[in-house]
Amino acid sequence: MQVYSLFADAVNSIDINITYWEYPGTDNIFDRNAMLIMAAQFDTIFNEEGCNYYLALPDGRIKLILTEEDKLMTIFRPYAMPESWQPEKLITEESLRAASEAADRKKSGTAKTGAAPMRRFCQLCGNQITPNAAFCSKCGAKLK
């Protein structure tokens, strides 16, 4: 077991044969690249003051250590994807980049009118959230 101050370091420390993770209590599955993209968000949101840490376990689980609350939570665990089945909610590098680009277009005013509304996801658990929510309805994380 190793404790890391950065989520990216925790993900990178896990056996390369683990390629998918799930967030407990949701049906969202993340591939390794999506985990690393989320790491950039996690590390700026949750560790600005160096008060939270990540525990990478040998079995591939990643736990968040909330030092101010003296709490340890499993935030991701390995997921063995069946060979013949691809879950609808697989979150990949491409889907995260597309959502980010759509958000940038919306902010800059270049979004196409009549386009489907952009979906928002919790940065901690990946749960889909309502557009104006301040907190995730699944894990309770404060949303930016």
N, C-alpha and C. Protein backbone atom coordinates (compact mmCIF):
# COMPACT_ATOMS: atom_id res chain seq x y z
N MET A 1 0.85 -1.18 0.00
CA MET A 1 0.00 0.00 0.00
C MET A 1 0.88 1.23 0.00
N GLN A 2 0.44 2.21 -0.76
CA GLN A 2 1.18 3.46 -0.85
C GLN A 2 0.20 4.62 -0.77
N VAL A 3 0.58 5.67 -0.08
CA VAL A 3 -0.23 6.87 0.01
C VAL A 3 0.36 7.93 -0.93
N TYR A 4 -0.52 8.58 -1.69
CA TYR A 4 -0.09 9.59 -2.66
C TYR A 4 -0.83 10.89 -2.40
N SER A 5 -0.17 11.99 -2.67
CA SER A 5 -0.84 13.28 -2.56
C SER A 5 -1.58 13.64 -3.84
N LEU A 6 -1.22 12.97 -4.95
CA LEU A 6 -1.88 13.23 -6.23
C LEU A 6 -2.62 11.99 -6.72
N PHE A 7 -3.84 12.19 -7.20
CA PHE A 7 -4.66 11.10 -7.70
C PHE A 7 -3.98 10.42 -8.90
N ALA A 8 -3.36 11.20 -9.76
CA ALA A 8 -2.68 10.64 -10.94
C ALA A 8 -1.60 9.65 -10.53
N ASP A 9 -0.85 9.98 -9.48
CA ASP A 9 0.20 9.07 -9.00
C ASP A 9 -0.41 7.77 -8.49
N ALA A 10 -1.56 7.86 -7.82
CA ALA A 10 -2.22 6.65 -7.32
C ALA A 10 -2.66 5.77 -8.49
N VAL A 11 -3.26 6.37 -9.51
CA VAL A 11 -3.71 5.60 -10.69
C VAL A 11 -2.51 4.96 -11.38
N ASN A 12 -1.45 5.73 -11.57
CA ASN A 12 -0.26 5.21 -12.27
C ASN A 12 0.46 4.13 -11.50
N SER A 13 0.26 4.07 -10.19
CA SER A 13 0.95 3.05 -9.38
C SER A 13 0.28 1.68 -9.46
N ILE A 14 -0.94 1.64 -9.97
CA ILE A 14 -1.71 0.40 -10.00
C ILE A 14 -1.32 -0.44 -11.20
N ASP A 15 -1.31 -1.74 -11.00
CA ASP A 15 -0.95 -2.72 -12.03
C ASP A 15 -1.57 -2.35 -13.37
N ILE A 16 -0.74 -2.33 -14.39
CA ILE A 16 -1.17 -1.93 -15.74
C ILE A 16 -2.25 -2.86 -16.30
N ASN A 17 -2.37 -4.06 -15.76
CA ASN A 17 -3.40 -5.00 -16.23
C ASN A 17 -4.80 -4.59 -15.80
N ILE A 18 -4.91 -3.70 -14.85
CA ILE A 18 -6.22 -3.19 -14.46
C ILE A 18 -6.51 -2.01 -15.37
N THR A 19 -7.52 -2.15 -16.22
CA THR A 19 -7.80 -1.09 -17.19
C THR A 19 -9.13 -0.39 -16.96
N TYR A 20 -9.98 -0.93 -16.11
CA TYR A 20 -11.28 -0.32 -15.85
C TYR A 20 -11.52 -0.23 -14.34
N TRP A 21 -12.20 0.85 -13.94
CA TRP A 21 -12.60 1.03 -12.55
C TRP A 21 -14.06 1.43 -12.52
N GLU A 22 -14.70 1.13 -11.40
CA GLU A 22 -16.07 1.57 -11.17
C GLU A 22 -16.11 2.38 -9.89
N TYR A 23 -17.06 3.29 -9.84
CA TYR A 23 -17.29 4.04 -8.62
C TYR A 23 -18.41 3.34 -7.88
N PRO A 24 -18.16 2.88 -6.64
CA PRO A 24 -19.19 2.14 -5.90
C PRO A 24 -20.50 2.92 -5.80
N GLY A 25 -21.58 2.21 -6.03
CA GLY A 25 -22.91 2.81 -5.92
C GLY A 25 -23.41 3.42 -7.21
N THR A 26 -22.60 3.38 -8.28
CA THR A 26 -23.04 3.89 -9.58
C THR A 26 -22.80 2.80 -10.62
N ASP A 27 -23.29 3.03 -11.83
CA ASP A 27 -23.00 2.09 -12.90
C ASP A 27 -22.01 2.68 -13.90
N ASN A 28 -21.27 3.71 -13.48
CA ASN A 28 -20.27 4.32 -14.34
C ASN A 28 -18.95 3.55 -14.27
N ILE A 29 -18.41 3.27 -15.45
CA ILE A 29 -17.15 2.55 -15.57
C ILE A 29 -16.16 3.49 -16.25
N PHE A 30 -14.95 3.57 -15.73
CA PHE A 30 -13.93 4.47 -16.24
C PHE A 30 -12.75 3.67 -16.77
N ASP A 31 -12.24 4.05 -17.95
CA ASP A 31 -11.01 3.41 -18.42
C ASP A 31 -9.81 4.17 -17.85
N ARG A 32 -8.62 3.63 -18.01
CA ARG A 32 -7.41 4.21 -17.41
C ARG A 32 -7.18 5.65 -17.87
N ASN A 33 -7.35 5.92 -19.15
CA ASN A 33 -7.13 7.27 -19.65
C ASN A 33 -8.12 8.26 -19.05
N ALA A 34 -9.37 7.85 -18.90
CA ALA A 34 -10.37 8.73 -18.28
C ALA A 34 -9.99 9.00 -16.82
N MET A 35 -9.47 8.00 -16.15
CA MET A 35 -9.03 8.17 -14.75
C MET A 35 -7.93 9.22 -14.68
N LEU A 36 -7.00 9.18 -15.63
CA LEU A 36 -5.89 10.13 -15.60
C LEU A 36 -6.34 11.55 -15.94
N ILE A 37 -7.33 11.67 -16.83
CA ILE A 37 -7.88 13.00 -17.13
C ILE A 37 -8.60 13.54 -15.90
N MET A 38 -9.37 12.68 -15.24
CA MET A 38 -10.06 13.11 -14.03
C MET A 38 -9.07 13.48 -12.94
N ALA A 39 -7.90 12.84 -12.95
CA ALA A 39 -6.89 13.13 -11.94
C ALA A 39 -6.51 14.61 -11.97
N ALA A 40 -6.41 15.18 -13.15
CA ALA A 40 -6.07 16.60 -13.25
C ALA A 40 -7.12 17.46 -12.55
N GLN A 41 -8.40 17.06 -12.67
CA GLN A 41 -9.47 17.79 -11.99
C GLN A 41 -9.43 17.53 -10.49
N PHE A 42 -9.29 16.27 -10.11
CA PHE A 42 -9.27 15.91 -8.69
C PHE A 42 -8.15 16.64 -7.97
N ASP A 43 -6.97 16.64 -8.58
CA ASP A 43 -5.80 17.18 -7.90
C ASP A 43 -5.91 18.68 -7.69
N THR A 44 -6.63 19.39 -8.55
CA THR A 44 -6.80 20.83 -8.34
C THR A 44 -7.98 21.13 -7.42
N ILE A 45 -9.00 20.29 -7.44
CA ILE A 45 -10.19 20.54 -6.63
C ILE A 45 -10.01 20.07 -5.19
N PHE A 46 -9.56 18.84 -5.03
CA PHE A 46 -9.56 18.22 -3.71
C PHE A 46 -8.25 18.36 -2.95
N ASN A 47 -7.19 18.77 -3.60
CA ASN A 47 -5.92 18.79 -2.89
C ASN A 47 -5.21 20.14 -2.99
N GLU A 48 -5.98 21.22 -3.13
CA GLU A 48 -5.39 22.54 -3.24
C GLU A 48 -4.55 22.89 -2.02
N GLU A 49 -4.98 22.46 -0.87
CA GLU A 49 -4.26 22.79 0.36
C GLU A 49 -3.46 21.60 0.88
N GLY A 50 -3.37 20.53 0.11
CA GLY A 50 -2.60 19.37 0.54
C GLY A 50 -3.22 18.63 1.72
N CYS A 51 -4.55 18.66 1.83
CA CYS A 51 -5.19 18.05 2.99
C CYS A 51 -5.80 16.68 2.71
N ASN A 52 -5.84 16.26 1.46
CA ASN A 52 -6.40 14.96 1.13
C ASN A 52 -5.33 14.11 0.44
N TYR A 53 -5.46 12.80 0.61
CA TYR A 53 -4.48 11.88 0.04
C TYR A 53 -5.21 10.69 -0.56
N TYR A 54 -4.51 9.95 -1.39
CA TYR A 54 -5.07 8.78 -2.06
C TYR A 54 -4.26 7.56 -1.65
N LEU A 55 -4.97 6.50 -1.35
CA LEU A 55 -4.36 5.24 -0.96
C LEU A 55 -4.58 4.26 -2.10
N ALA A 56 -3.50 3.77 -2.70
CA ALA A 56 -3.59 2.78 -3.77
C ALA A 56 -3.32 1.41 -3.16
N LEU A 57 -4.31 0.53 -3.25
CA LEU A 57 -4.19 -0.80 -2.67
C LEU A 57 -3.71 -1.80 -3.72
N PRO A 58 -3.04 -2.86 -3.30
CA PRO A 58 -2.52 -3.85 -4.25
C PRO A 58 -3.59 -4.48 -5.15
N ASP A 59 -4.84 -4.54 -4.67
CA ASP A 59 -5.90 -5.14 -5.48
C ASP A 59 -6.49 -4.15 -6.49
N GLY A 60 -5.97 -2.91 -6.55
CA GLY A 60 -6.42 -1.93 -7.53
C GLY A 60 -7.42 -0.93 -7.02
N ARG A 61 -7.88 -1.09 -5.78
CA ARG A 61 -8.81 -0.10 -5.22
C ARG A 61 -8.06 1.19 -4.93
N ILE A 62 -8.76 2.30 -5.09
CA ILE A 62 -8.21 3.60 -4.74
C ILE A 62 -9.13 4.21 -3.70
N LYS A 63 -8.54 4.59 -2.59
CA LYS A 63 -9.31 5.18 -1.50
C LYS A 63 -8.89 6.63 -1.33
N LEU A 64 -9.83 7.46 -0.95
CA LEU A 64 -9.57 8.87 -0.66
C LEU A 64 -9.48 9.02 0.85
N ILE A 65 -8.40 9.64 1.30
CA ILE A 65 -8.23 9.92 2.72
C ILE A 65 -8.57 11.39 2.93
N LEU A 66 -9.68 11.64 3.60
CA LEU A 66 -10.12 13.00 3.91
C LEU A 66 -9.57 13.34 5.29
N THR A 67 -8.46 14.03 5.34
CA THR A 67 -7.78 14.26 6.61
C THR A 67 -8.57 15.18 7.54
N GLU A 68 -9.24 16.18 6.99
CA GLU A 68 -10.00 17.10 7.84
C GLU A 68 -11.19 16.41 8.49
N GLU A 69 -11.75 15.42 7.82
CA GLU A 69 -12.91 14.71 8.36
C GLU A 69 -12.51 13.39 9.00
N ASP A 70 -11.21 13.05 8.96
CA ASP A 70 -10.71 11.79 9.49
C ASP A 70 -11.52 10.62 8.92
N LYS A 71 -11.62 10.60 7.59
CA LYS A 71 -12.48 9.63 6.91
C LYS A 71 -11.71 8.97 5.78
N LEU A 72 -11.97 7.71 5.54
CA LEU A 72 -11.37 6.95 4.45
C LEU A 72 -12.50 6.39 3.61
N MET A 73 -12.53 6.74 2.31
CA MET A 73 -13.60 6.27 1.43
C MET A 73 -13.01 5.59 0.21
N THR A 74 -13.63 4.47 -0.19
CA THR A 74 -13.26 3.86 -1.45
C THR A 74 -13.92 4.67 -2.55
N ILE A 75 -13.08 5.25 -3.44
CA ILE A 75 -13.66 6.05 -4.50
C ILE A 75 -13.68 5.31 -5.83
N PHE A 76 -12.78 4.36 -6.02
CA PHE A 76 -12.79 3.54 -7.23
C PHE A 76 -12.32 2.14 -6.88
N ARG A 77 -12.91 1.17 -7.58
CA ARG A 77 -12.44 -0.21 -7.43
C ARG A 77 -12.35 -0.83 -8.82
N PRO A 78 -11.46 -1.81 -8.98
CA PRO A 78 -11.29 -2.43 -10.31
C PRO A 78 -12.59 -3.04 -10.80
N TYR A 79 -12.75 -3.01 -12.11
CA TYR A 79 -13.94 -3.58 -12.73
C TYR A 79 -13.48 -4.54 -13.82
N ALA A 80 -13.95 -5.76 -13.75
CA ALA A 80 -13.63 -6.76 -14.76
C ALA A 80 -14.74 -6.76 -15.80
N MET A 81 -14.46 -6.10 -16.92
CA MET A 81 -15.48 -5.98 -17.96
C MET A 81 -15.60 -7.29 -18.73
N PRO A 82 -16.81 -7.84 -18.83
CA PRO A 82 -16.99 -9.05 -19.62
C PRO A 82 -16.60 -8.79 -21.08
N GLU A 83 -15.96 -9.76 -21.71
CA GLU A 83 -15.48 -9.58 -23.08
C GLU A 83 -16.60 -9.27 -24.07
N SER A 84 -17.78 -9.82 -23.85
CA SER A 84 -18.86 -9.67 -24.83
C SER A 84 -19.79 -8.50 -24.52
N TRP A 85 -19.46 -7.69 -23.52
CA TRP A 85 -20.39 -6.65 -23.11
C TRP A 85 -19.67 -5.34 -22.86
N GLN A 86 -20.18 -4.27 -23.41
CA GLN A 86 -19.65 -2.93 -23.18
C GLN A 86 -20.74 -2.12 -22.49
N PRO A 87 -20.53 -1.66 -21.28
CA PRO A 87 -21.58 -0.91 -20.60
C PRO A 87 -21.85 0.42 -21.30
N GLU A 88 -23.09 0.86 -21.24
CA GLU A 88 -23.48 2.12 -21.88
C GLU A 88 -22.78 3.31 -21.25
N LYS A 89 -22.45 3.21 -19.99
CA LYS A 89 -21.89 4.36 -19.29
C LYS A 89 -20.37 4.29 -19.16
N LEU A 90 -19.70 3.63 -20.08
CA LEU A 90 -18.25 3.60 -20.05
C LEU A 90 -17.74 5.01 -20.32
N ILE A 91 -16.98 5.54 -19.41
CA ILE A 91 -16.45 6.89 -19.55
C ILE A 91 -15.01 6.76 -20.02
N THR A 92 -14.74 7.31 -21.19
CA THR A 92 -13.43 7.18 -21.81
C THR A 92 -12.79 8.55 -21.95
N GLU A 93 -11.53 8.53 -22.34
CA GLU A 93 -10.80 9.77 -22.60
C GLU A 93 -11.56 10.61 -23.63
N GLU A 94 -12.05 9.96 -24.69
CA GLU A 94 -12.76 10.68 -25.75
C GLU A 94 -14.04 11.33 -25.25
N SER A 95 -14.80 10.62 -24.42
CA SER A 95 -16.05 11.20 -23.94
C SER A 95 -15.79 12.36 -22.98
N LEU A 96 -14.74 12.27 -22.17
CA LEU A 96 -14.40 13.38 -21.29
C LEU A 96 -13.94 14.60 -22.08
N ARG A 97 -13.12 14.36 -23.11
CA ARG A 97 -12.64 15.47 -23.95
C ARG A 97 -13.81 16.13 -24.69
N ALA A 98 -14.73 15.32 -25.20
CA ALA A 98 -15.88 15.86 -25.92
C ALA A 98 -16.74 16.73 -25.00
N ALA A 99 -16.95 16.27 -23.78
CA ALA A 99 -17.74 17.05 -22.82
C ALA A 99 -17.03 18.35 -22.47
N SER A 100 -15.71 18.30 -22.32
CA SER A 100 -14.93 19.50 -22.02
C SER A 100 -14.98 20.49 -23.17
N GLU A 101 -14.86 20.00 -24.41
CA GLU A 101 -14.91 20.87 -25.58
C GLU A 101 -16.30 21.51 -25.72
N ALA A 102 -17.33 20.72 -25.45
CA ALA A 102 -18.70 21.27 -25.53
C ALA A 102 -18.89 22.36 -24.48
N ALA A 103 -18.34 22.16 -23.29
CA ALA A 103 -18.45 23.17 -22.24
C ALA A 103 -17.70 24.44 -22.65
N ASP A 104 -16.53 24.28 -23.26
CA ASP A 104 -15.77 25.44 -23.73
C ASP A 104 -16.54 26.21 -24.80
N ARG A 105 -17.17 25.48 -25.74
CA ARG A 105 -17.96 26.12 -26.79
C ARG A 105 -19.14 26.88 -26.19
N LYS A 106 -19.76 26.26 -25.19
CA LYS A 106 -20.92 26.89 -24.55
C LYS A 106 -20.49 28.18 -23.85
N LYS A 107 -19.35 28.14 -23.16
CA LYS A 107 -18.85 29.33 -22.47
C LYS A 107 -18.49 30.44 -23.45
N SER A 108 -17.93 30.07 -24.59
CA SER A 108 -17.49 31.08 -25.55
C SER A 108 -18.64 31.56 -26.45
N GLY A 109 -19.80 30.91 -26.33
CA GLY A 109 -20.95 31.32 -27.12
C GLY A 109 -20.95 30.76 -28.53
N THR A 110 -20.10 29.76 -28.81
CA THR A 110 -20.06 29.18 -30.15
C THR A 110 -20.80 27.86 -30.23
N ALA A 111 -21.53 27.51 -29.18
CA ALA A 111 -22.28 26.26 -29.21
C ALA A 111 -23.39 26.36 -30.24
N LYS A 112 -23.67 25.26 -30.92
CA LYS A 112 -24.74 25.24 -31.92
C LYS A 112 -26.09 25.34 -31.23
N THR A 113 -26.97 26.14 -31.78
CA THR A 113 -28.31 26.22 -31.21
C THR A 113 -29.08 24.97 -31.60
N GLY A 114 -29.97 24.56 -30.73
CA GLY A 114 -30.76 23.38 -30.99
C GLY A 114 -30.01 22.09 -30.66
N ALA A 115 -28.78 22.19 -30.21
CA ALA A 115 -28.01 21.00 -29.86
C ALA A 115 -28.55 20.43 -28.55
N ALA A 116 -28.31 19.16 -28.35
CA ALA A 116 -28.74 18.53 -27.11
C ALA A 116 -28.00 19.18 -25.94
N PRO A 117 -28.66 19.35 -24.80
CA PRO A 117 -27.98 19.96 -23.67
C PRO A 117 -26.81 19.09 -23.21
N MET A 118 -25.72 19.76 -22.80
CA MET A 118 -24.54 19.02 -22.35
C MET A 118 -24.82 18.37 -21.01
N ARG A 119 -24.40 17.14 -20.87
CA ARG A 119 -24.57 16.43 -19.61
C ARG A 119 -23.42 16.80 -18.69
N ARG A 120 -23.71 16.94 -17.39
CA ARG A 120 -22.68 17.20 -16.39
C ARG A 120 -22.52 15.95 -15.55
N PHE A 121 -21.28 15.72 -15.12
CA PHE A 121 -20.99 14.57 -14.29
C PHE A 121 -20.22 15.03 -13.07
N CYS A 122 -20.47 14.39 -11.95
CA CYS A 122 -19.73 14.68 -10.72
C CYS A 122 -18.26 14.35 -10.94
N GLN A 123 -17.39 15.23 -10.51
CA GLN A 123 -15.96 15.02 -10.69
C GLN A 123 -15.41 13.99 -9.72
N LEU A 124 -16.16 13.64 -8.68
CA LEU A 124 -15.68 12.65 -7.73
C LEU A 124 -16.17 11.25 -8.08
N CYS A 125 -17.48 11.11 -8.34
CA CYS A 125 -18.02 9.76 -8.53
C CYS A 125 -18.47 9.47 -9.96
N GLY A 126 -18.57 10.50 -10.81
CA GLY A 126 -18.97 10.27 -12.19
C GLY A 126 -20.47 10.23 -12.40
N ASN A 127 -21.25 10.43 -11.35
CA ASN A 127 -22.70 10.41 -11.46
C ASN A 127 -23.18 11.58 -12.31
N GLN A 128 -24.19 11.35 -13.17
CA GLN A 128 -24.76 12.45 -13.96
C GLN A 128 -25.54 13.36 -13.02
N ILE A 129 -25.32 14.66 -13.17
CA ILE A 129 -25.96 15.62 -12.28
C ILE A 129 -26.78 16.63 -13.07
N THR A 130 -27.70 17.27 -12.38
CA THR A 130 -28.54 18.27 -13.03
C THR A 130 -27.72 19.52 -13.31
N PRO A 131 -28.09 20.30 -14.34
CA PRO A 131 -27.27 21.43 -14.77
C PRO A 131 -26.92 22.45 -13.70
N ASN A 132 -27.84 22.78 -12.80
CA ASN A 132 -27.57 23.84 -11.82
C ASN A 132 -27.28 23.31 -10.41
N ALA A 133 -26.99 22.03 -10.28
CA ALA A 133 -26.77 21.45 -8.95
C ALA A 133 -25.50 21.99 -8.33
N ALA A 134 -25.54 22.21 -7.02
CA ALA A 134 -24.35 22.66 -6.27
C ALA A 134 -23.65 21.47 -5.65
N PHE A 135 -24.38 20.37 -5.43
CA PHE A 135 -23.83 19.17 -4.83
C PHE A 135 -24.29 17.94 -5.60
N CYS A 136 -23.47 16.90 -5.63
CA CYS A 136 -23.82 15.65 -6.30
C CYS A 136 -24.90 14.94 -5.47
N SER A 137 -25.93 14.45 -6.14
CA SER A 137 -27.02 13.76 -5.45
C SER A 137 -26.61 12.35 -5.03
N LYS A 138 -25.54 11.82 -5.59
CA LYS A 138 -25.10 10.45 -5.26
C LYS A 138 -24.09 10.44 -4.12
N CYS A 139 -23.00 11.25 -4.23
CA CYS A 139 -21.93 11.19 -3.22
C CYS A 139 -21.86 12.42 -2.35
N GLY A 140 -22.61 13.48 -2.71
CA GLY A 140 -22.64 14.68 -1.89
C GLY A 140 -21.47 15.65 -2.11
N ALA A 141 -20.61 15.37 -3.09
CA ALA A 141 -19.46 16.25 -3.33
C ALA A 141 -19.92 17.63 -3.79
N LYS A 142 -19.22 18.66 -3.32
CA LYS A 142 -19.52 20.02 -3.76
C LYS A 142 -19.04 20.16 -5.20
N LEU A 143 -19.89 20.71 -6.06
CA LEU A 143 -19.59 20.84 -7.48
C LEU A 143 -19.10 22.24 -7.79
N LYS A 144 -18.15 22.34 -8.72
CA LYS A 144 -17.66 23.66 -9.13
C LYS A 144 -18.43 24.14 -10.31
